[in-house]
Structure formats: structure tokens, C-alpha cells
Amino acid sequence: MKILLLLLFFIFDVGKSFTIDCNYYTWNHDVVGDLYQCGTTNIPISLGNIVTNVTGTHLIGKSNRDVEAIYILGNWILSFVPKDFSYFFPNIKAINIYHTTIERLYGDEFNEFPQLEYLTIINSNLTTISSKIFERTPNIKNVRFRNGMLNRVGYNIFSSIDVTQLQWVAFYNHRGISRDSGENQAAAIEIVKELREKCPFTDENLSITENSTCNNRRIEEFVCFACFVILFKLT
């Protein structure tokens, strides 16, 4: 009986984890500069989201500690942000995630990357971003959420960072939300300022009506989509 239980535990534990196969190269970017990157396009289908092994051949003279960027191509089957990347790559500054079925960011996905400066999630099913998403990433400077289905964004999402450090903020092509500062720090700060001024956290903003698009299960965390229609209206 004990052997059977151990076997079942082993199968369940293995099912929660997977191996990432990295293609290592130098990523040249006009905003963040040259970063040594792990690029992966073959994320296995898994019951869990824990990275337990990383494979691939480093460039000459490079090691895991030199990796500062992660590029993930989800092929429209990846539904989560892989965890424990930092166990292998402790110095990550940039994360790029493309073509996924991720629907929600709960707030702890990037806590393991305290040096994170650049976050891009493009082409996804993303509908909801928690207000806690940047609580553990005080150095964030570039944020780009493009081509998704956002209708709920955490109240005061940038309250835990110094907004004067923001260089680029984009909530672009999400139903009614379409706002991109471009490489313009003043515009990025203005978006955050408008967010705080035009979306105050009041009962009026969070009232539940028959046609409301607020999240009534965690009402304290999100502002109404209607507020963002006003804030990010197309011009």
C-alpha cells in the first residue's frame, strides 16, 4: 500500500512540472538594449506550471547567471506563466510572452523576479490583471499588454512603484481599451495619473448592475470596465 501511495505521489508531482528547452542568444532591443536571452518555443502540455529543469547549450563563456531575458512563444496552448524560472535564471530583467491562452494574472506570477524591468504579454486571452501584479517588481519600467481581451484591471496597479521611472506603458487593442504611450516617459506617467484620477475606488465605480462587467467575486480588487472605456477611449 505504501509503495502504491508513493508511486501515485511521484506521478502527481511529476505531472506538475516540466522541462524548458532554451535557445540562447543575445536579444537586441531598442528600449532595453542587449540582453542574453533564453528563448523557448516548445512549451510542453502539463498539468502544472513548475519549471524543474532547463536544457540548451549556452554561448561560449555564458552561463545561467548571465541570462537576463526570457522569451516564451506559447503556440496558443500555454495557459499559465511558468514558475520557478528564477531558480535557474536569478538575474532576469525582461520577460516576453507571446501567443498564449492565459486569461488572468493573479498577482504573484512575477514575484520571483525582483530585478524585472520589462514585461510584454502580446496576443493572449488575457481578461484580468490583479492590482498586485507589480508589488514585488519595484524596478519595472516598460509594461506592454497588447492584443487581448482585457476588461478588468487592478485598481492602482502601479501604486507600488515610482511612476517617474516608467518609460513605456501600453494597454493596446483590448476591446475598448487602446492606449499606448510609446517611448515617451511623460505619456506613460500621464496614463498612470489618469488611471488614479478617473478611476477612484468608490462604491459608485464598483456598483453591481445587471449589465455590469465588474468582477463581483473579488469586487475590492478591480475597477469597472466602464471606467476604462472612458480612460482608454479611442481618439
C-alpha atoms as a PDB file:
ATOM      1  CA  MET A   1       0.000   0.000   0.000  1.00  0.00           C
ATOM      2  CA  LYS A   2       2.829   2.409   0.887  1.00  0.00           C
ATOM      3  CA  ILE A   3       4.564   1.681  -2.404  1.00  0.00           C
ATOM      4  CA  LEU A   4       1.343   2.444  -4.297  1.00  0.00           C
ATOM      5  CA  LEU A   5       0.895   5.744  -2.457  1.00  0.00           C
ATOM      6  CA  LEU A   6       4.495   6.735  -3.170  1.00  0.00           C
ATOM      7  CA  LEU A   7       4.033   5.876  -6.815  1.00  0.00           C
ATOM      8  CA  LEU A   8       0.868   7.951  -7.049  1.00  0.00           C
ATOM      9  CA  PHE A   9       2.604  10.877  -5.320  1.00  0.00           C
ATOM     10  CA  PHE A  10       5.526  10.615  -7.756  1.00  0.00           C
ATOM     11  CA  ILE A  11       3.214  10.594 -10.773  1.00  0.00           C
ATOM     12  CA  PHE A  12       1.245  13.570  -9.457  1.00  0.00           C
ATOM     13  CA  ASP A  13       4.402  15.535  -8.607  1.00  0.00           C
ATOM     14  CA  VAL A  14       5.969  14.908 -12.000  1.00  0.00           C
ATOM     15  CA  GLY A  15       2.730  15.944 -13.663  1.00  0.00           C
ATOM     16  CA  LYS A  16       3.008  19.391 -12.056  1.00  0.00           C
ATOM     17  CA  SER A  17       6.429  20.096 -13.589  1.00  0.00           C
ATOM     18  CA  PHE A  18       8.187  20.240 -16.922  1.00  0.00           C
ATOM     19  CA  THR A  19      11.485  20.954 -18.670  1.00  0.00           C
ATOM     20  CA  ILE A  20      12.220  24.099 -20.656  1.00  0.00           C
ATOM     21  CA  ASP A  21      14.467  23.760 -23.704  1.00  0.00           C
ATOM     22  CA  CYS A  22      16.265  27.077 -24.273  1.00  0.00           C
ATOM     23  CA  ASN A  23      17.729  28.564 -27.382  1.00  0.00           C
ATOM     24  CA  TYR A  24      20.331  31.009 -26.029  1.00  0.00           C
ATOM     25  CA  TYR A  25      21.201  34.199 -27.894  1.00  0.00           C
ATOM     26  CA  THR A  26      21.725  37.938 -27.449  1.00  0.00           C
ATOM     27  CA  TRP A  27      18.473  39.854 -27.754  1.00  0.00           C
ATOM     28  CA  ASN A  28      18.871  43.297 -29.289  1.00  0.00           C
ATOM     29  CA  HIS A  29      16.135  45.731 -28.289  1.00  0.00           C
ATOM     30  CA  ASP A  30      15.837  49.455 -28.897  1.00  0.00           C
ATOM     31  CA  VAL A  31      14.497  50.114 -25.384  1.00  0.00           C
ATOM     32  CA  VAL A  32      16.230  47.670 -23.027  1.00  0.00           C
ATOM     33  CA  GLY A  33      19.449  47.213 -25.004  1.00  0.00           C
ATOM     34  CA  ASP A  34      21.322  43.932 -25.476  1.00  0.00           C
ATOM     35  CA  LEU A  35      20.301  41.131 -23.118  1.00  0.00           C
ATOM     36  CA  TYR A  36      21.356  37.472 -23.061  1.00  0.00           C
ATOM     37  CA  GLN A  37      18.113  35.563 -23.546  1.00  0.00           C
ATOM     38  CA  CYS A  38      16.571  32.120 -23.184  1.00  0.00           C
ATOM     39  CA  GLY A  39      14.068  31.688 -25.985  1.00  0.00           C
ATOM     40  CA  THR A  40      11.679  28.758 -25.918  1.00  0.00           C
ATOM     41  CA  THR A  41       9.012  27.842 -28.456  1.00  0.00           C
ATOM     42  CA  ASN A  42       8.244  24.301 -27.321  1.00  0.00           C
ATOM     43  CA  ILE A  43       6.361  24.508 -24.024  1.00  0.00           C
ATOM     44  CA  PRO A  44       5.018  21.015 -23.226  1.00  0.00           C
ATOM     45  CA  ILE A  45       1.392  20.491 -22.277  1.00  0.00           C
ATOM     46  CA  SER A  46       1.439  19.940 -18.498  1.00  0.00           C
ATOM     47  CA  LEU A  47      -0.905  19.609 -15.541  1.00  0.00           C
ATOM     48  CA  GLY A  48       1.193  22.129 -13.645  1.00  0.00           C
ATOM     49  CA  ASN A  49       3.343  25.196 -14.185  1.00  0.00           C
ATOM     50  CA  ILE A  50       6.612  24.484 -12.332  1.00  0.00           C
ATOM     51  CA  VAL A  51       9.898  24.508 -14.237  1.00  0.00           C
ATOM     52  CA  THR A  52      12.128  21.779 -12.786  1.00  0.00           C
ATOM     53  CA  ASN A  53      14.804  21.601 -15.465  1.00  0.00           C
ATOM     54  CA  VAL A  54      16.288  23.805 -18.167  1.00  0.00           C
ATOM     55  CA  THR A  55      18.219  22.437 -21.139  1.00  0.00           C
ATOM     56  CA  GLY A  56      20.078  24.007 -24.061  1.00  0.00           C
ATOM     57  CA  THR A  57      23.632  24.972 -24.978  1.00  0.00           C
ATOM     58  CA  HIS A  58      24.948  28.327 -23.785  1.00  0.00           C
ATOM     59  CA  LEU A  59      27.021  30.620 -25.946  1.00  0.00           C
ATOM     60  CA  ILE A  60      30.739  30.420 -25.231  1.00  0.00           C
ATOM     61  CA  GLY A  61      31.590  31.988 -21.888  1.00  0.00           C
ATOM     62  CA  LYS A  62      27.956  32.258 -20.787  1.00  0.00           C
ATOM     63  CA  SER A  63      26.033  30.505 -18.001  1.00  0.00           C
ATOM     64  CA  ASN A  64      22.583  30.559 -16.398  1.00  0.00           C
ATOM     65  CA  ARG A  65      23.572  33.564 -14.297  1.00  0.00           C
ATOM     66  CA  ASP A  66      24.158  35.595 -17.453  1.00  0.00           C
ATOM     67  CA  VAL A  67      20.573  35.108 -18.665  1.00  0.00           C
ATOM     68  CA  GLU A  68      18.676  38.393 -18.270  1.00  0.00           C
ATOM     69  CA  ALA A  69      15.696  37.825 -20.561  1.00  0.00           C
ATOM     70  CA  ILE A  70      13.099  35.128 -21.232  1.00  0.00           C
ATOM     71  CA  TYR A  71      11.144  34.773 -24.456  1.00  0.00           C
ATOM     72  CA  ILE A  72       8.182  32.358 -24.475  1.00  0.00           C
ATOM     73  CA  LEU A  73       6.156  31.504 -27.565  1.00  0.00           C
ATOM     74  CA  GLY A  74       3.074  29.722 -26.272  1.00  0.00           C
ATOM     75  CA  ASN A  75       1.715  28.474 -29.633  1.00  0.00           C
ATOM     76  CA  TRP A  76      -1.823  29.184 -28.320  1.00  0.00           C
ATOM     77  CA  ILE A  77      -1.678  26.196 -25.947  1.00  0.00           C
ATOM     78  CA  LEU A  78       0.122  27.738 -22.953  1.00  0.00           C
ATOM     79  CA  SER A  79      -2.442  28.794 -20.336  1.00  0.00           C
ATOM     80  CA  PHE A  80      -0.132  29.874 -17.488  1.00  0.00           C
ATOM     81  CA  VAL A  81       3.058  31.750 -16.641  1.00  0.00           C
ATOM     82  CA  PRO A  82       5.741  29.129 -15.814  1.00  0.00           C
ATOM     83  CA  LYS A  83       7.012  29.308 -12.240  1.00  0.00           C
ATOM     84  CA  ASP A  84      10.479  28.797 -10.703  1.00  0.00           C
ATOM     85  CA  PHE A  85      12.374  30.131 -13.703  1.00  0.00           C
ATOM     86  CA  SER A  86      14.378  32.195 -11.205  1.00  0.00           C
ATOM     87  CA  TYR A  87      15.810  29.007  -9.672  1.00  0.00           C
ATOM     88  CA  PHE A  88      17.791  28.641 -12.905  1.00  0.00           C
ATOM     89  CA  PHE A  89      17.942  32.289 -14.009  1.00  0.00           C
ATOM     90  CA  PRO A  90      18.267  34.579 -10.947  1.00  0.00           C
ATOM     91  CA  ASN A  91      19.025  37.797 -12.865  1.00  0.00           C
ATOM     92  CA  ILE A  92      16.014  38.232 -15.147  1.00  0.00           C
ATOM     93  CA  LYS A  93      15.267  41.800 -16.272  1.00  0.00           C
ATOM     94  CA  ALA A  94      12.918  41.190 -19.207  1.00  0.00           C
ATOM     95  CA  ILE A  95      10.067  38.749 -19.910  1.00  0.00           C
ATOM     96  CA  ASN A  96       8.313  38.436 -23.265  1.00  0.00           C
ATOM     97  CA  ILE A  97       5.296  36.128 -23.607  1.00  0.00           C
ATOM     98  CA  TYR A  98       3.528  35.696 -26.939  1.00  0.00           C
ATOM     99  CA  HIS A  99       0.562  33.712 -28.322  1.00  0.00           C
ATOM    100  CA  THR A 100      -0.930  32.143 -25.191  1.00  0.00           C
ATOM    101  CA  THR A 101      -4.355  31.291 -23.795  1.00  0.00           C
ATOM    102  CA  ILE A 102      -3.554  32.962 -20.450  1.00  0.00           C
ATOM    103  CA  GLU A 103      -6.780  34.536 -19.172  1.00  0.00           C
ATOM    104  CA  ARG A 104      -5.811  36.005 -15.812  1.00  0.00           C
ATOM    105  CA  LEU A 105      -2.765  37.301 -13.935  1.00  0.00           C
ATOM    106  CA  TYR A 106      -3.438  36.671 -10.245  1.00  0.00           C
ATOM    107  CA  GLY A 107      -0.688  38.914  -8.914  1.00  0.00           C
ATOM    108  CA  ASP A 108       2.100  36.520  -7.920  1.00  0.00           C
ATOM    109  CA  GLU A 109       3.309  35.425 -11.355  1.00  0.00           C
ATOM    110  CA  PHE A 110       6.368  37.701 -11.382  1.00  0.00           C
ATOM    111  CA  ASN A 111       7.204  37.925  -7.675  1.00  0.00           C
ATOM    112  CA  GLU A 112      10.293  35.786  -8.218  1.00  0.00           C
ATOM    113  CA  PHE A 113      11.851  38.434 -10.477  1.00  0.00           C
ATOM    114  CA  PRO A 114      12.728  41.444  -8.257  1.00  0.00           C
ATOM    115  CA  GLN A 115      15.019  42.872 -10.970  1.00  0.00           C
ATOM    116  CA  LEU A 116      12.308  42.802 -13.643  1.00  0.00           C
ATOM    117  CA  GLU A 117      12.248  45.982 -15.746  1.00  0.00           C
ATOM    118  CA  TYR A 118      10.427  44.952 -18.910  1.00  0.00           C
ATOM    119  CA  LEU A 119       7.237  42.903 -19.251  1.00  0.00           C
ATOM    120  CA  THR A 120       5.431  42.157 -22.507  1.00  0.00           C
ATOM    121  CA  ILE A 121       2.384  39.933 -22.986  1.00  0.00           C
ATOM    122  CA  ILE A 122       1.122  40.049 -26.573  1.00  0.00           C
ATOM    123  CA  ASN A 123      -1.595  38.038 -28.310  1.00  0.00           C
ATOM    124  CA  SER A 124      -3.377  36.277 -25.451  1.00  0.00           C
ATOM    125  CA  ASN A 125      -6.818  35.630 -23.980  1.00  0.00           C
ATOM    126  CA  LEU A 126      -6.000  37.912 -21.052  1.00  0.00           C
ATOM    127  CA  THR A 127      -9.101  39.405 -19.428  1.00  0.00           C
ATOM    128  CA  THR A 128      -7.959  40.271 -15.887  1.00  0.00           C
ATOM    129  CA  ILE A 129      -4.839  41.735 -14.259  1.00  0.00           C
ATOM    130  CA  SER A 130      -4.614  41.849 -10.472  1.00  0.00           C
ATOM    131  CA  SER A 131      -3.712  45.087  -8.711  1.00  0.00           C
ATOM    132  CA  LYS A 132      -0.859  43.169  -7.046  1.00  0.00           C
ATOM    133  CA  ILE A 133       0.953  42.293 -10.259  1.00  0.00           C
ATOM    134  CA  PHE A 134       3.877  44.707  -9.680  1.00  0.00           C
ATOM    135  CA  GLU A 135       4.086  44.579  -5.878  1.00  0.00           C
ATOM    136  CA  ARG A 136       7.389  42.654  -5.921  1.00  0.00           C
ATOM    137  CA  THR A 137       8.903  44.220  -9.044  1.00  0.00           C
ATOM    138  CA  PRO A 138       9.964  47.716  -7.906  1.00  0.00           C
ATOM    139  CA  ASN A 139      12.231  48.270 -10.928  1.00  0.00           C
ATOM    140  CA  ILE A 140       9.550  47.843 -13.617  1.00  0.00           C
ATOM    141  CA  LYS A 141       9.935  50.433 -16.387  1.00  0.00           C
ATOM    142  CA  ASN A 142       8.287  49.013 -19.501  1.00  0.00           C
ATOM    143  CA  VAL A 143       4.850  47.364 -19.451  1.00  0.00           C
ATOM    144  CA  ARG A 144       3.077  46.209 -22.597  1.00  0.00           C
ATOM    145  CA  PHE A 145      -0.178  44.273 -22.681  1.00  0.00           C
ATOM    146  CA  ARG A 146      -1.313  44.104 -26.307  1.00  0.00           C
ATOM    147  CA  ASN A 147      -3.899  42.253 -28.360  1.00  0.00           C
ATOM    148  CA  GLY A 148      -6.006  40.545 -25.711  1.00  0.00           C
ATOM    149  CA  MET A 149      -9.451  40.783 -24.145  1.00  0.00           C
ATOM    150  CA  LEU A 150      -8.810  42.927 -21.058  1.00  0.00           C
ATOM    151  CA  ASN A 151     -11.895  44.124 -19.227  1.00  0.00           C
ATOM    152  CA  ARG A 152     -10.688  44.138 -15.616  1.00  0.00           C
ATOM    153  CA  VAL A 153      -7.501  45.848 -14.443  1.00  0.00           C
ATOM    154  CA  GLY A 154      -6.454  46.068 -10.801  1.00  0.00           C
ATOM    155  CA  TYR A 155      -7.127  49.343  -9.047  1.00  0.00           C
ATOM    156  CA  ASN A 156      -3.974  51.471  -8.639  1.00  0.00           C
ATOM    157  CA  ILE A 157      -1.936  48.849 -10.447  1.00  0.00           C
ATOM    158  CA  PHE A 158       1.229  51.000 -10.327  1.00  0.00           C
ATOM    159  CA  SER A 159       0.903  52.167  -6.717  1.00  0.00           C
ATOM    160  CA  SER A 160       3.844  50.067  -5.500  1.00  0.00           C
ATOM    161  CA  ILE A 161       6.410  51.646  -7.832  1.00  0.00           C
ATOM    162  CA  ASP A 162       7.828  55.083  -8.524  1.00  0.00           C
ATOM    163  CA  VAL A 163       5.862  56.121 -11.609  1.00  0.00           C
ATOM    164  CA  THR A 164       8.596  58.541 -12.666  1.00  0.00           C
ATOM    165  CA  GLN A 165      10.700  55.522 -13.660  1.00  0.00           C
ATOM    166  CA  LEU A 166       8.126  54.326 -16.214  1.00  0.00           C
ATOM    167  CA  GLN A 167       9.327  54.580 -19.809  1.00  0.00           C
ATOM    168  CA  TRP A 168       6.582  52.787 -21.745  1.00  0.00           C
ATOM    169  CA  VAL A 169       3.045  51.788 -20.763  1.00  0.00           C
ATOM    170  CA  ALA A 170       0.691  50.067 -23.216  1.00  0.00           C
ATOM    171  CA  PHE A 171      -2.795  48.642 -22.805  1.00  0.00           C
ATOM    172  CA  TYR A 172      -3.350  48.372 -26.530  1.00  0.00           C
ATOM    173  CA  ASN A 173      -6.051  46.727 -28.640  1.00  0.00           C
ATOM    174  CA  HIS A 174      -8.204  45.237 -25.860  1.00  0.00           C
ATOM    175  CA  ARG A 175     -11.883  45.616 -26.736  1.00  0.00           C
ATOM    176  CA  GLY A 176     -12.496  49.241 -25.646  1.00  0.00           C
ATOM    177  CA  ILE A 177      -9.030  49.702 -24.140  1.00  0.00           C
ATOM    178  CA  SER A 178      -6.455  51.141 -26.509  1.00  0.00           C
ATOM    179  CA  ARG A 179      -3.761  53.344 -25.015  1.00  0.00           C
ATOM    180  CA  ASP A 180      -0.035  53.257 -25.767  1.00  0.00           C
ATOM    181  CA  SER A 181       2.470  55.815 -24.517  1.00  0.00           C
ATOM    182  CA  GLY A 182       5.160  54.737 -26.941  1.00  0.00           C
ATOM    183  CA  GLU A 183       8.722  55.510 -25.906  1.00  0.00           C
ATOM    184  CA  ASN A 184       7.563  58.630 -24.105  1.00  0.00           C
ATOM    185  CA  GLN A 185       8.058  58.805 -20.360  1.00  0.00           C
ATOM    186  CA  ALA A 186       5.759  61.803 -19.927  1.00  0.00           C
ATOM    187  CA  ALA A 187       2.931  59.986 -21.715  1.00  0.00           C
ATOM    188  CA  ALA A 188       3.489  56.866 -19.596  1.00  0.00           C
ATOM    189  CA  ILE A 189       3.243  58.886 -16.392  1.00  0.00           C
ATOM    190  CA  GLU A 190       0.129  60.631 -17.716  1.00  0.00           C
ATOM    191  CA  ILE A 191      -1.610  57.284 -18.254  1.00  0.00           C
ATOM    192  CA  VAL A 192      -0.939  56.343 -14.628  1.00  0.00           C
ATOM    193  CA  LYS A 193      -2.092  59.778 -13.441  1.00  0.00           C
ATOM    194  CA  GLU A 194      -5.337  59.493 -15.395  1.00  0.00           C
ATOM    195  CA  LEU A 195      -5.860  55.999 -14.083  1.00  0.00           C
ATOM    196  CA  ARG A 196      -5.701  57.235 -10.498  1.00  0.00           C
ATOM    197  CA  GLU A 197      -7.809  60.345 -11.075  1.00  0.00           C
ATOM    198  CA  LYS A 198     -10.523  58.929 -13.311  1.00  0.00           C
ATOM    199  CA  CYS A 199     -10.891  55.547 -11.641  1.00  0.00           C
ATOM    200  CA  PRO A 200     -11.251  56.313  -7.919  1.00  0.00           C
ATOM    201  CA  PHE A 201     -12.038  53.350  -5.754  1.00  0.00           C
ATOM    202  CA  THR A 202     -15.584  54.175  -4.688  1.00  0.00           C
ATOM    203  CA  ASP A 203     -18.839  52.322  -4.297  1.00  0.00           C
ATOM    204  CA  GLU A 204     -20.178  54.225  -7.282  1.00  0.00           C
ATOM    205  CA  ASN A 205     -17.449  52.820  -9.539  1.00  0.00           C
ATOM    206  CA  LEU A 206     -17.961  49.347  -8.178  1.00  0.00           C
ATOM    207  CA  SER A 207     -21.728  49.173  -8.121  1.00  0.00           C
ATOM    208  CA  ILE A 208     -23.133  45.914  -9.418  1.00  0.00           C
ATOM    209  CA  THR A 209     -25.858  46.264 -12.010  1.00  0.00           C
ATOM    210  CA  GLU A 210     -27.441  43.848 -14.411  1.00  0.00           C
ATOM    211  CA  ASN A 211     -25.082  44.946 -17.185  1.00  0.00           C
ATOM    212  CA  SER A 212     -22.004  45.446 -15.022  1.00  0.00           C
ATOM    213  CA  THR A 213     -18.703  43.965 -16.135  1.00  0.00           C
ATOM    214  CA  CYS A 214     -17.134  44.180 -12.695  1.00  0.00           C
ATOM    215  CA  ASN A 215     -15.853  41.043 -11.024  1.00  0.00           C
ATOM    216  CA  ASN A 216     -18.379  40.563  -8.221  1.00  0.00           C
ATOM    217  CA  ARG A 217     -16.364  37.735  -6.680  1.00  0.00           C
ATOM    218  CA  ARG A 218     -13.392  39.968  -5.846  1.00  0.00           C
ATOM    219  CA  ILE A 219     -15.031  43.341  -6.069  1.00  0.00           C
ATOM    220  CA  GLU A 220     -12.492  45.092  -3.852  1.00  0.00           C
ATOM    221  CA  GLU A 221      -9.652  44.439  -6.287  1.00  0.00           C
ATOM    222  CA  PHE A 222     -10.958  45.597  -9.635  1.00  0.00           C
ATOM    223  CA  VAL A 223     -12.431  48.701 -11.178  1.00  0.00           C
ATOM    224  CA  CYS A 224     -15.275  48.621 -13.652  1.00  0.00           C
ATOM    225  CA  PHE A 225     -14.588  48.170 -17.315  1.00  0.00           C
ATOM    226  CA  ALA A 226     -16.806  51.207 -17.907  1.00  0.00           C
ATOM    227  CA  CYS A 227     -14.201  53.362 -16.190  1.00  0.00           C
ATOM    228  CA  PHE A 228     -11.518  52.079 -18.527  1.00  0.00           C
ATOM    229  CA  VAL A 229     -13.676  52.736 -21.560  1.00  0.00           C
ATOM    230  CA  ILE A 230     -13.586  56.391 -20.509  1.00  0.00           C
ATOM    231  CA  LEU A 231      -9.885  56.336 -19.660  1.00  0.00           C
ATOM    232  CA  PHE A 232      -8.641  54.474 -22.705  1.00  0.00           C
ATOM    233  CA  LYS A 233     -11.222  55.559 -25.240  1.00  0.00           C
ATOM    234  CA  LEU A 234     -10.078  55.613 -28.853  1.00  0.00           C
ATOM    235  CA  THR A 235      -9.221  59.071 -30.182  1.00  0.00           C
END
